[in-house]
Amino acid sequence: MESLQIPIERPVAVLALHGQLAPLAWAFAQAAPEAKLGYVQTDGGALPGAHSRQVRALCERGLLAGHLTAGTAFGGEGETITAVGALHHGLRVLGWDAAVCGPGPEIVDSGSALGHGGISALDSAHVALALGCQTLLVAQMSSTSGVERSRHRGISHHTLTVLDLLLEPVTVALPAGMRSPVGADLRAGLSAVFGGAMPNREDGERATLAVDVRKPIVERPARIARHDWRRARVDLPAYAASGLPAETPEHGLSSDPLFFAAALAGGSVFAELIGTDELE
């Protein structure tokens, strides 16, 4: 029987969407080319692991060292009953230097606040923290507009919800040049999540959305600001030239560059969590 060895003290990146995997893995490899990165596919996706073209491409190019499926997910190189078991096995037994954890293709969605496959990131982050891993949450961000996508513009309401509910702080990456995560953009996103209008404490302006401003303002920014926010430069043209997937059912590199920039920033910051001594 595999012995329990914790704390693991190796980094784990947590995804909300499968489309974030390729840009994260590519950016991680640019910054830490000698590191072995494994992928744990969790609940939240609608398709099994064998249906992921992204995973096949990343494994063929050596950007992923392995692929384990956990829980109701299946079809990986190895299958585990739990995500915590998969992370422990990959990092302790298979010798991964780092792991990325998230749902497979085609996210499931019930339309309720917490009934979205991307919210599985909350469970994955808690699992990583419990194992003593340095945990990075890859922010879901978007530059698209329109009524249907308004809750995802800037920092998605799904990411904000996970960051609010997490029991412990994690690391979060932003593309270089983004404004403070507690500025007007974040407050607008918080309005979409919790209702009301959030006052901007920096300049007195109010960031409002199509919500009932008569509702009480929920003071949640401190829950978001407590996390370790970092910024990283990203190279969108280089990623576009890599030949890796640059389009998902809802995001394209040319039409929604911020979605890919956020994942690339996550990969770069994720590599920073690995000390050079750990790779020797």
C-alpha atoms as a PDB file:
ATOM      1  CA  MET A   1       0.000   0.000   0.000  1.00  0.00           C
ATOM      2  CA  GLU A   2       1.203   3.492  -0.884  1.00  0.00           C
ATOM      3  CA  SER A   3       2.351   5.294   2.269  1.00  0.00           C
ATOM      4  CA  LEU A   4       1.049   8.753   3.126  1.00  0.00           C
ATOM      5  CA  GLN A   5       3.831  11.317   2.815  1.00  0.00           C
ATOM      6  CA  ILE A   6       2.766  14.848   3.682  1.00  0.00           C
ATOM      7  CA  PRO A   7       3.338  17.737   3.529  1.00  0.00           C
ATOM      8  CA  ILE A   8       4.326  17.430  -0.116  1.00  0.00           C
ATOM      9  CA  GLU A   9       5.519  21.038  -0.537  1.00  0.00           C
ATOM     10  CA  ARG A  10       5.363  20.965  -4.326  1.00  0.00           C
ATOM     11  CA  PRO A  11       3.233  23.425  -6.301  1.00  0.00           C
ATOM     12  CA  VAL A  12      -0.231  22.680  -7.656  1.00  0.00           C
ATOM     13  CA  ALA A  13      -2.054  24.895 -10.146  1.00  0.00           C
ATOM     14  CA  VAL A  14      -5.845  24.766 -10.130  1.00  0.00           C
ATOM     15  CA  LEU A  15      -7.865  25.376 -13.297  1.00  0.00           C
ATOM     16  CA  ALA A  16     -11.528  26.232 -13.716  1.00  0.00           C
ATOM     17  CA  LEU A  17     -11.708  25.373 -17.409  1.00  0.00           C
ATOM     18  CA  HIS A  18      -9.974  22.801 -19.593  1.00  0.00           C
ATOM     19  CA  GLY A  19      -9.125  25.494 -22.128  1.00  0.00           C
ATOM     20  CA  GLN A  20      -6.658  27.008 -19.654  1.00  0.00           C
ATOM     21  CA  LEU A  21      -4.489  23.872 -19.648  1.00  0.00           C
ATOM     22  CA  ALA A  22      -2.496  24.347 -22.854  1.00  0.00           C
ATOM     23  CA  PRO A  23      -1.448  27.982 -22.328  1.00  0.00           C
ATOM     24  CA  LEU A  24      -0.588  27.295 -18.692  1.00  0.00           C
ATOM     25  CA  ALA A  25       1.531  24.230 -19.556  1.00  0.00           C
ATOM     26  CA  TRP A  26       3.290  26.087 -22.393  1.00  0.00           C
ATOM     27  CA  ALA A  27       4.161  29.117 -20.248  1.00  0.00           C
ATOM     28  CA  PHE A  28       5.268  26.849 -17.402  1.00  0.00           C
ATOM     29  CA  ALA A  29       7.630  25.002 -19.753  1.00  0.00           C
ATOM     30  CA  GLN A  30       9.122  28.257 -21.062  1.00  0.00           C
ATOM     31  CA  ALA A  31      10.026  29.298 -17.522  1.00  0.00           C
ATOM     32  CA  ALA A  32      10.908  25.857 -16.074  1.00  0.00           C
ATOM     33  CA  PRO A  33      11.912  23.628 -19.019  1.00  0.00           C
ATOM     34  CA  GLU A  34      13.416  20.908 -16.829  1.00  0.00           C
ATOM     35  CA  ALA A  35      10.386  20.520 -14.571  1.00  0.00           C
ATOM     36  CA  LYS A  36       8.016  17.554 -14.873  1.00  0.00           C
ATOM     37  CA  LEU A  37       4.420  18.771 -14.906  1.00  0.00           C
ATOM     38  CA  GLY A  38       1.583  16.286 -14.466  1.00  0.00           C
ATOM     39  CA  TYR A  39      -2.139  16.755 -15.020  1.00  0.00           C
ATOM     40  CA  VAL A  40      -4.910  15.537 -12.717  1.00  0.00           C
ATOM     41  CA  GLN A  41      -8.308  15.641 -14.402  1.00  0.00           C
ATOM     42  CA  THR A  42     -11.083  16.195 -11.886  1.00  0.00           C
ATOM     43  CA  ASP A  43     -14.872  16.315 -11.810  1.00  0.00           C
ATOM     44  CA  GLY A  44     -16.600  19.194 -13.568  1.00  0.00           C
ATOM     45  CA  GLY A  45     -16.099  18.300 -17.208  1.00  0.00           C
ATOM     46  CA  ALA A  46     -18.601  16.522 -19.427  1.00  0.00           C
ATOM     47  CA  LEU A  47     -16.174  14.409 -21.472  1.00  0.00           C
ATOM     48  CA  PRO A  48     -13.649  11.732 -20.427  1.00  0.00           C
ATOM     49  CA  GLY A  49      -9.916  12.248 -20.535  1.00  0.00           C
ATOM     50  CA  ALA A  50      -9.361  10.298 -23.720  1.00  0.00           C
ATOM     51  CA  HIS A  51     -11.431  12.898 -25.622  1.00  0.00           C
ATOM     52  CA  SER A  52      -9.033  15.761 -24.870  1.00  0.00           C
ATOM     53  CA  ARG A  53      -6.968  16.809 -27.872  1.00  0.00           C
ATOM     54  CA  GLN A  54      -5.178  19.287 -25.647  1.00  0.00           C
ATOM     55  CA  VAL A  55      -3.865  16.575 -23.348  1.00  0.00           C
ATOM     56  CA  ARG A  56      -2.695  14.438 -26.272  1.00  0.00           C
ATOM     57  CA  ALA A  57      -0.866  17.381 -27.848  1.00  0.00           C
ATOM     58  CA  LEU A  58       0.768  18.391 -24.573  1.00  0.00           C
ATOM     59  CA  CYS A  59       1.921  14.844 -23.789  1.00  0.00           C
ATOM     60  CA  GLU A  60       3.299  14.331 -27.300  1.00  0.00           C
ATOM     61  CA  ARG A  61       5.340  17.514 -27.005  1.00  0.00           C
ATOM     62  CA  GLY A  62       6.619  16.662 -23.536  1.00  0.00           C
ATOM     63  CA  LEU A  63       4.782  19.540 -21.878  1.00  0.00           C
ATOM     64  CA  LEU A  64       2.913  17.091 -19.653  1.00  0.00           C
ATOM     65  CA  ALA A  65       4.700  14.241 -17.880  1.00  0.00           C
ATOM     66  CA  GLY A  66       1.511  12.307 -17.153  1.00  0.00           C
ATOM     67  CA  HIS A  67      -2.287  12.355 -17.008  1.00  0.00           C
ATOM     68  CA  LEU A  68      -4.325  10.924 -14.138  1.00  0.00           C
ATOM     69  CA  THR A  69      -8.121  11.000 -13.998  1.00  0.00           C
ATOM     70  CA  ALA A  70      -9.912  11.169 -10.646  1.00  0.00           C
ATOM     71  CA  GLY A  71     -13.399  10.522  -9.322  1.00  0.00           C
ATOM     72  CA  THR A  72     -16.019  10.453 -12.061  1.00  0.00           C
ATOM     73  CA  ALA A  73     -13.433  11.477 -14.659  1.00  0.00           C
ATOM     74  CA  PHE A  74     -11.837   8.583 -16.525  1.00  0.00           C
ATOM     75  CA  GLY A  75      -9.707   7.781 -19.551  1.00  0.00           C
ATOM     76  CA  GLY A  76      -6.313   8.989 -18.354  1.00  0.00           C
ATOM     77  CA  GLU A  77      -3.042   7.076 -18.290  1.00  0.00           C
ATOM     78  CA  GLY A  78      -4.007   6.129 -14.755  1.00  0.00           C
ATOM     79  CA  GLU A  79      -7.280   6.337 -12.833  1.00  0.00           C
ATOM     80  CA  THR A  80      -7.818   7.148  -9.171  1.00  0.00           C
ATOM     81  CA  ILE A  81     -10.814   7.240  -6.874  1.00  0.00           C
ATOM     82  CA  THR A  82     -10.087  10.711  -5.517  1.00  0.00           C
ATOM     83  CA  ALA A  83      -8.323  13.885  -6.614  1.00  0.00           C
ATOM     84  CA  VAL A  84      -6.293  13.930  -3.399  1.00  0.00           C
ATOM     85  CA  GLY A  85      -5.109  10.401  -4.170  1.00  0.00           C
ATOM     86  CA  ALA A  86      -4.187  11.400  -7.710  1.00  0.00           C
ATOM     87  CA  LEU A  87      -2.182  14.431  -6.601  1.00  0.00           C
ATOM     88  CA  HIS A  88      -0.371  12.457  -3.913  1.00  0.00           C
ATOM     89  CA  HIS A  89       0.433   9.623  -6.334  1.00  0.00           C
ATOM     90  CA  GLY A  90       1.637  11.943  -9.085  1.00  0.00           C
ATOM     91  CA  LEU A  91       3.809  14.135  -6.886  1.00  0.00           C
ATOM     92  CA  ARG A  92       5.147  11.442  -4.539  1.00  0.00           C
ATOM     93  CA  VAL A  93       5.233   8.253  -6.597  1.00  0.00           C
ATOM     94  CA  LEU A  94       5.475   9.366 -10.225  1.00  0.00           C
ATOM     95  CA  GLY A  95       7.966  12.083  -9.372  1.00  0.00           C
ATOM     96  CA  TRP A  96       6.170  15.088 -10.823  1.00  0.00           C
ATOM     97  CA  ASP A  97       7.786  18.368  -9.846  1.00  0.00           C
ATOM     98  CA  ALA A  98       4.418  20.108 -10.087  1.00  0.00           C
ATOM     99  CA  ALA A  99       0.825  19.263 -10.927  1.00  0.00           C
ATOM    100  CA  VAL A 100      -2.035  21.040 -12.614  1.00  0.00           C
ATOM    101  CA  CYS A 101      -5.511  20.058 -11.500  1.00  0.00           C
ATOM    102  CA  GLY A 102      -8.815  20.793 -13.231  1.00  0.00           C
ATOM    103  CA  PRO A 103     -11.855  19.527 -15.145  1.00  0.00           C
ATOM    104  CA  GLY A 104     -11.834  17.895 -18.553  1.00  0.00           C
ATOM    105  CA  PRO A 105     -13.405  19.138 -21.797  1.00  0.00           C
ATOM    106  CA  GLU A 106     -16.907  20.610 -22.056  1.00  0.00           C
ATOM    107  CA  ILE A 107     -17.734  22.046 -18.647  1.00  0.00           C
ATOM    108  CA  VAL A 108     -21.037  21.061 -17.017  1.00  0.00           C
ATOM    109  CA  ASP A 109     -23.383  23.814 -15.870  1.00  0.00           C
ATOM    110  CA  SER A 110     -26.748  23.712 -14.079  1.00  0.00           C
ATOM    111  CA  GLY A 111     -27.221  27.479 -14.236  1.00  0.00           C
ATOM    112  CA  SER A 112     -27.088  27.909 -10.451  1.00  0.00           C
ATOM    113  CA  ALA A 113     -24.518  29.956  -8.564  1.00  0.00           C
ATOM    114  CA  LEU A 114     -22.499  26.963  -7.395  1.00  0.00           C
ATOM    115  CA  GLY A 115     -23.719  24.343  -9.868  1.00  0.00           C
ATOM    116  CA  HIS A 116     -20.968  24.966 -12.413  1.00  0.00           C
ATOM    117  CA  GLY A 117     -18.124  22.586 -13.188  1.00  0.00           C
ATOM    118  CA  GLY A 118     -15.609  25.374 -12.754  1.00  0.00           C
ATOM    119  CA  ILE A 119     -16.484  25.598  -9.058  1.00  0.00           C
ATOM    120  CA  SER A 120     -14.692  22.254  -8.711  1.00  0.00           C
ATOM    121  CA  ALA A 121     -11.632  24.509  -8.430  1.00  0.00           C
ATOM    122  CA  LEU A 122     -12.715  25.192  -4.843  1.00  0.00           C
ATOM    123  CA  ASP A 123     -12.438  21.494  -3.948  1.00  0.00           C
ATOM    124  CA  SER A 124      -9.179  21.070  -5.873  1.00  0.00           C
ATOM    125  CA  ALA A 125      -7.566  24.040  -4.153  1.00  0.00           C
ATOM    126  CA  HIS A 126      -8.562  22.771  -0.715  1.00  0.00           C
ATOM    127  CA  VAL A 127      -7.153  19.333  -1.565  1.00  0.00           C
ATOM    128  CA  ALA A 128      -3.844  20.877  -2.633  1.00  0.00           C
ATOM    129  CA  LEU A 129      -3.672  23.031   0.480  1.00  0.00           C
ATOM    130  CA  ALA A 130      -4.431  20.023   2.692  1.00  0.00           C
ATOM    131  CA  LEU A 131      -1.481  18.161   1.132  1.00  0.00           C
ATOM    132  CA  GLY A 132       0.815  21.040   2.017  1.00  0.00           C
ATOM    133  CA  CYS A 133       1.254  22.156  -1.600  1.00  0.00           C
ATOM    134  CA  GLN A 134       1.893  25.702  -2.734  1.00  0.00           C
ATOM    135  CA  THR A 135      -1.398  26.398  -4.464  1.00  0.00           C
ATOM    136  CA  LEU A 136      -2.029  28.658  -7.426  1.00  0.00           C
ATOM    137  CA  LEU A 137      -5.526  29.430  -8.701  1.00  0.00           C
ATOM    138  CA  VAL A 138      -5.540  30.246 -12.416  1.00  0.00           C
ATOM    139  CA  ALA A 139      -7.925  33.153 -12.864  1.00  0.00           C
ATOM    140  CA  GLN A 140     -10.645  32.850 -15.470  1.00  0.00           C
ATOM    141  CA  MET A 141     -10.655  36.183 -17.284  1.00  0.00           C
ATOM    142  CA  SER A 142     -12.249  37.477 -20.458  1.00  0.00           C
ATOM    143  CA  SER A 143     -12.120  40.536 -22.691  1.00  0.00           C
ATOM    144  CA  THR A 144     -15.365  39.724 -24.508  1.00  0.00           C
ATOM    145  CA  SER A 145     -18.449  41.865 -24.083  1.00  0.00           C
ATOM    146  CA  GLY A 146     -22.185  41.318 -24.398  1.00  0.00           C
ATOM    147  CA  VAL A 147     -25.003  40.582 -21.999  1.00  0.00           C
ATOM    148  CA  GLU A 148     -24.448  36.817 -21.911  1.00  0.00           C
ATOM    149  CA  ARG A 149     -20.721  37.156 -21.081  1.00  0.00           C
ATOM    150  CA  SER A 150     -20.879  40.206 -18.797  1.00  0.00           C
ATOM    151  CA  ARG A 151     -20.326  38.155 -15.627  1.00  0.00           C
ATOM    152  CA  HIS A 152     -17.067  36.801 -17.087  1.00  0.00           C
ATOM    153  CA  ARG A 153     -15.630  40.067 -18.374  1.00  0.00           C
ATOM    154  CA  GLY A 154     -12.473  40.966 -16.505  1.00  0.00           C
ATOM    155  CA  ILE A 155     -12.165  38.485 -13.645  1.00  0.00           C
ATOM    156  CA  SER A 156     -14.978  35.943 -13.969  1.00  0.00           C
ATOM    157  CA  HIS A 157     -17.592  35.724 -11.245  1.00  0.00           C
ATOM    158  CA  HIS A 158     -16.711  32.020 -10.968  1.00  0.00           C
ATOM    159  CA  THR A 159     -13.118  32.874 -10.020  1.00  0.00           C
ATOM    160  CA  LEU A 160     -14.261  35.564  -7.590  1.00  0.00           C
ATOM    161  CA  THR A 161     -16.650  33.121  -5.934  1.00  0.00           C
ATOM    162  CA  VAL A 162     -13.894  30.534  -5.423  1.00  0.00           C
ATOM    163  CA  LEU A 163     -11.490  33.170  -4.083  1.00  0.00           C
ATOM    164  CA  ASP A 164     -14.142  34.359  -1.640  1.00  0.00           C
ATOM    165  CA  LEU A 165     -15.042  30.878  -0.381  1.00  0.00           C
ATOM    166  CA  LEU A 166     -11.522  29.484   0.006  1.00  0.00           C
ATOM    167  CA  LEU A 167     -10.590  28.737   3.608  1.00  0.00           C
ATOM    168  CA  GLU A 168      -6.942  29.686   3.110  1.00  0.00           C
ATOM    169  CA  PRO A 169      -5.148  32.174   0.846  1.00  0.00           C
ATOM    170  CA  VAL A 170      -3.674  30.989  -2.449  1.00  0.00           C
ATOM    171  CA  THR A 171      -1.519  32.557  -5.159  1.00  0.00           C
ATOM    172  CA  VAL A 172      -3.301  34.205  -8.095  1.00  0.00           C
ATOM    173  CA  ALA A 173      -1.649  35.532 -11.256  1.00  0.00           C
ATOM    174  CA  LEU A 174      -2.604  38.516 -13.400  1.00  0.00           C
ATOM    175  CA  PRO A 175      -1.113  39.552 -16.741  1.00  0.00           C
ATOM    176  CA  ALA A 176       1.327  42.433 -16.314  1.00  0.00           C
ATOM    177  CA  GLY A 177      -0.354  45.804 -16.650  1.00  0.00           C
ATOM    178  CA  MET A 178      -3.626  44.758 -15.020  1.00  0.00           C
ATOM    179  CA  ARG A 179      -4.920  47.133 -12.374  1.00  0.00           C
ATOM    180  CA  SER A 180      -5.128  46.248  -8.708  1.00  0.00           C
ATOM    181  CA  PRO A 181      -7.353  43.251  -7.943  1.00  0.00           C
ATOM    182  CA  VAL A 182      -9.181  45.464  -5.451  1.00  0.00           C
ATOM    183  CA  GLY A 183      -9.767  48.286  -7.921  1.00  0.00           C
ATOM    184  CA  ALA A 184     -12.834  49.212  -9.951  1.00  0.00           C
ATOM    185  CA  ASP A 185     -12.721  46.116 -12.189  1.00  0.00           C
ATOM    186  CA  LEU A 186     -12.832  43.766  -9.239  1.00  0.00           C
ATOM    187  CA  ARG A 187     -15.555  45.723  -7.500  1.00  0.00           C
ATOM    188  CA  ALA A 188     -17.679  45.562 -10.625  1.00  0.00           C
ATOM    189  CA  GLY A 189     -17.211  41.800 -10.653  1.00  0.00           C
ATOM    190  CA  LEU A 190     -18.119  41.573  -6.999  1.00  0.00           C
ATOM    191  CA  SER A 191     -21.304  43.477  -7.749  1.00  0.00           C
ATOM    192  CA  ALA A 192     -22.267  40.785 -10.233  1.00  0.00           C
ATOM    193  CA  VAL A 193     -21.600  38.045  -7.693  1.00  0.00           C
ATOM    194  CA  PHE A 194     -23.123  39.510  -4.530  1.00  0.00           C
ATOM    195  CA  GLY A 195     -25.468  42.221  -5.787  1.00  0.00           C
ATOM    196  CA  GLY A 196     -25.402  45.930  -5.173  1.00  0.00           C
ATOM    197  CA  ALA A 197     -22.918  48.590  -6.215  1.00  0.00           C
ATOM    198  CA  MET A 198     -19.422  48.545  -4.790  1.00  0.00           C
ATOM    199  CA  PRO A 199     -17.898  51.960  -4.082  1.00  0.00           C
ATOM    200  CA  ASN A 200     -14.387  52.499  -5.399  1.00  0.00           C
ATOM    201  CA  ARG A 201     -12.352  53.546  -2.379  1.00  0.00           C
ATOM    202  CA  GLU A 202      -9.469  54.780  -4.510  1.00  0.00           C
ATOM    203  CA  ASP A 203     -11.204  57.652  -6.295  1.00  0.00           C
ATOM    204  CA  GLY A 204     -14.753  57.772  -4.972  1.00  0.00           C
ATOM    205  CA  GLU A 205     -16.327  56.564  -8.214  1.00  0.00           C
ATOM    206  CA  ARG A 206     -18.899  53.810  -8.187  1.00  0.00           C
ATOM    207  CA  ALA A 207     -18.541  50.681 -10.280  1.00  0.00           C
ATOM    208  CA  THR A 208     -22.034  49.530 -11.158  1.00  0.00           C
ATOM    209  CA  LEU A 209     -23.645  46.812 -13.223  1.00  0.00           C
ATOM    210  CA  ALA A 210     -27.234  45.983 -14.044  1.00  0.00           C
ATOM    211  CA  VAL A 211     -28.102  45.123 -10.450  1.00  0.00           C
ATOM    212  CA  ASP A 212     -30.498  46.521  -7.888  1.00  0.00           C
ATOM    213  CA  VAL A 213     -28.404  49.204  -6.147  1.00  0.00           C
ATOM    214  CA  ARG A 214     -30.962  49.378  -3.336  1.00  0.00           C
ATOM    215  CA  LYS A 215     -29.731  46.043  -2.037  1.00  0.00           C
ATOM    216  CA  PRO A 216     -27.212  46.189   0.810  1.00  0.00           C
ATOM    217  CA  ILE A 217     -23.592  46.416  -0.301  1.00  0.00           C
ATOM    218  CA  VAL A 218     -21.751  43.250   0.690  1.00  0.00           C
ATOM    219  CA  GLU A 219     -18.280  44.089   1.960  1.00  0.00           C
ATOM    220  CA  ARG A 220     -16.264  41.222   0.511  1.00  0.00           C
ATOM    221  CA  PRO A 221     -13.143  42.799  -1.069  1.00  0.00           C
ATOM    222  CA  ALA A 222     -10.950  41.835   1.903  1.00  0.00           C
ATOM    223  CA  ARG A 223     -11.748  38.181   1.216  1.00  0.00           C
ATOM    224  CA  ILE A 224     -10.343  38.605  -2.287  1.00  0.00           C
ATOM    225  CA  ALA A 225      -7.417  40.865  -1.417  1.00  0.00           C
ATOM    226  CA  ARG A 226      -6.047  38.411   1.190  1.00  0.00           C
ATOM    227  CA  HIS A 227      -4.670  36.190  -1.582  1.00  0.00           C
ATOM    228  CA  ASP A 228      -1.136  36.477  -2.956  1.00  0.00           C
ATOM    229  CA  TRP A 229      -1.670  38.443  -6.177  1.00  0.00           C
ATOM    230  CA  ARG A 230       1.251  38.408  -8.620  1.00  0.00           C
ATOM    231  CA  ARG A 231       1.798  39.732 -12.127  1.00  0.00           C
ATOM    232  CA  ALA A 232       3.681  38.197 -15.031  1.00  0.00           C
ATOM    233  CA  ARG A 233       4.520  39.285 -18.536  1.00  0.00           C
ATOM    234  CA  VAL A 234       2.906  37.158 -21.223  1.00  0.00           C
ATOM    235  CA  ASP A 235       3.831  36.521 -24.859  1.00  0.00           C
ATOM    236  CA  LEU A 236       0.634  35.992 -26.814  1.00  0.00           C
ATOM    237  CA  PRO A 237       2.340  36.003 -30.272  1.00  0.00           C
ATOM    238  CA  ALA A 238       4.796  33.295 -29.182  1.00  0.00           C
ATOM    239  CA  TYR A 239       1.973  31.148 -27.859  1.00  0.00           C
ATOM    240  CA  ALA A 240       0.030  31.675 -31.084  1.00  0.00           C
ATOM    241  CA  ALA A 241       3.067  30.449 -33.017  1.00  0.00           C
ATOM    242  CA  SER A 242       3.458  27.362 -30.810  1.00  0.00           C
ATOM    243  CA  GLY A 243       0.800  25.396 -32.670  1.00  0.00           C
ATOM    244  CA  LEU A 244      -1.021  24.569 -29.444  1.00  0.00           C
ATOM    245  CA  PRO A 245      -4.811  25.045 -29.156  1.00  0.00           C
ATOM    246  CA  ALA A 246      -5.699  28.728 -29.459  1.00  0.00           C
ATOM    247  CA  GLU A 247      -9.454  28.374 -29.440  1.00  0.00           C
ATOM    248  CA  THR A 248     -12.127  26.911 -27.184  1.00  0.00           C
ATOM    249  CA  PRO A 249     -15.893  26.748 -27.783  1.00  0.00           C
ATOM    250  CA  GLU A 250     -16.235  30.192 -26.144  1.00  0.00           C
ATOM    251  CA  HIS A 251     -12.786  31.806 -26.387  1.00  0.00           C
ATOM    252  CA  GLY A 252     -10.389  32.530 -29.222  1.00  0.00           C
ATOM    253  CA  LEU A 253      -6.897  33.952 -29.039  1.00  0.00           C
ATOM    254  CA  SER A 254      -7.755  36.795 -31.398  1.00  0.00           C
ATOM    255  CA  SER A 255     -11.280  37.460 -30.121  1.00  0.00           C
ATOM    256  CA  ASP A 256     -10.586  37.016 -26.395  1.00  0.00           C
ATOM    257  CA  PRO A 257      -6.854  37.479 -25.743  1.00  0.00           C
ATOM    258  CA  LEU A 258      -7.355  38.111 -22.022  1.00  0.00           C
ATOM    259  CA  PHE A 259      -8.602  34.554 -21.477  1.00  0.00           C
ATOM    260  CA  PHE A 260      -5.302  33.179 -22.812  1.00  0.00           C
ATOM    261  CA  ALA A 261      -3.194  35.931 -21.226  1.00  0.00           C
ATOM    262  CA  ALA A 262      -4.537  35.025 -17.773  1.00  0.00           C
ATOM    263  CA  ALA A 263      -3.659  31.343 -18.260  1.00  0.00           C
ATOM    264  CA  LEU A 264      -0.208  32.243 -19.604  1.00  0.00           C
ATOM    265  CA  ALA A 265       0.384  34.482 -16.592  1.00  0.00           C
ATOM    266  CA  GLY A 266      -0.688  31.596 -14.380  1.00  0.00           C
ATOM    267  CA  GLY A 267       1.883  29.306 -15.995  1.00  0.00           C
ATOM    268  CA  SER A 268       4.699  31.811 -15.566  1.00  0.00           C
ATOM    269  CA  VAL A 269       3.927  32.498 -11.911  1.00  0.00           C
ATOM    270  CA  PHE A 270       3.400  28.770 -11.330  1.00  0.00           C
ATOM    271  CA  ALA A 271       6.984  28.121 -12.475  1.00  0.00           C
ATOM    272  CA  GLU A 272       8.204  30.682  -9.941  1.00  0.00           C
ATOM    273  CA  LEU A 273       6.782  28.504  -7.153  1.00  0.00           C
ATOM    274  CA  ILE A 274       9.335  25.808  -7.971  1.00  0.00           C
ATOM    275  CA  GLY A 275      12.713  26.452  -6.378  1.00  0.00           C
ATOM    276  CA  THR A 276      15.682  25.658  -8.591  1.00  0.00           C
ATOM    277  CA  ASP A 277      17.025  23.368  -5.875  1.00  0.00           C
ATOM    278  CA  GLU A 278      13.947  21.181  -6.206  1.00  0.00           C
ATOM    279  CA  LEU A 279      14.834  20.346  -9.814  1.00  0.00           C
ATOM    280  CA  GLU A 280      18.408  19.237  -9.081  1.00  0.00           C
END
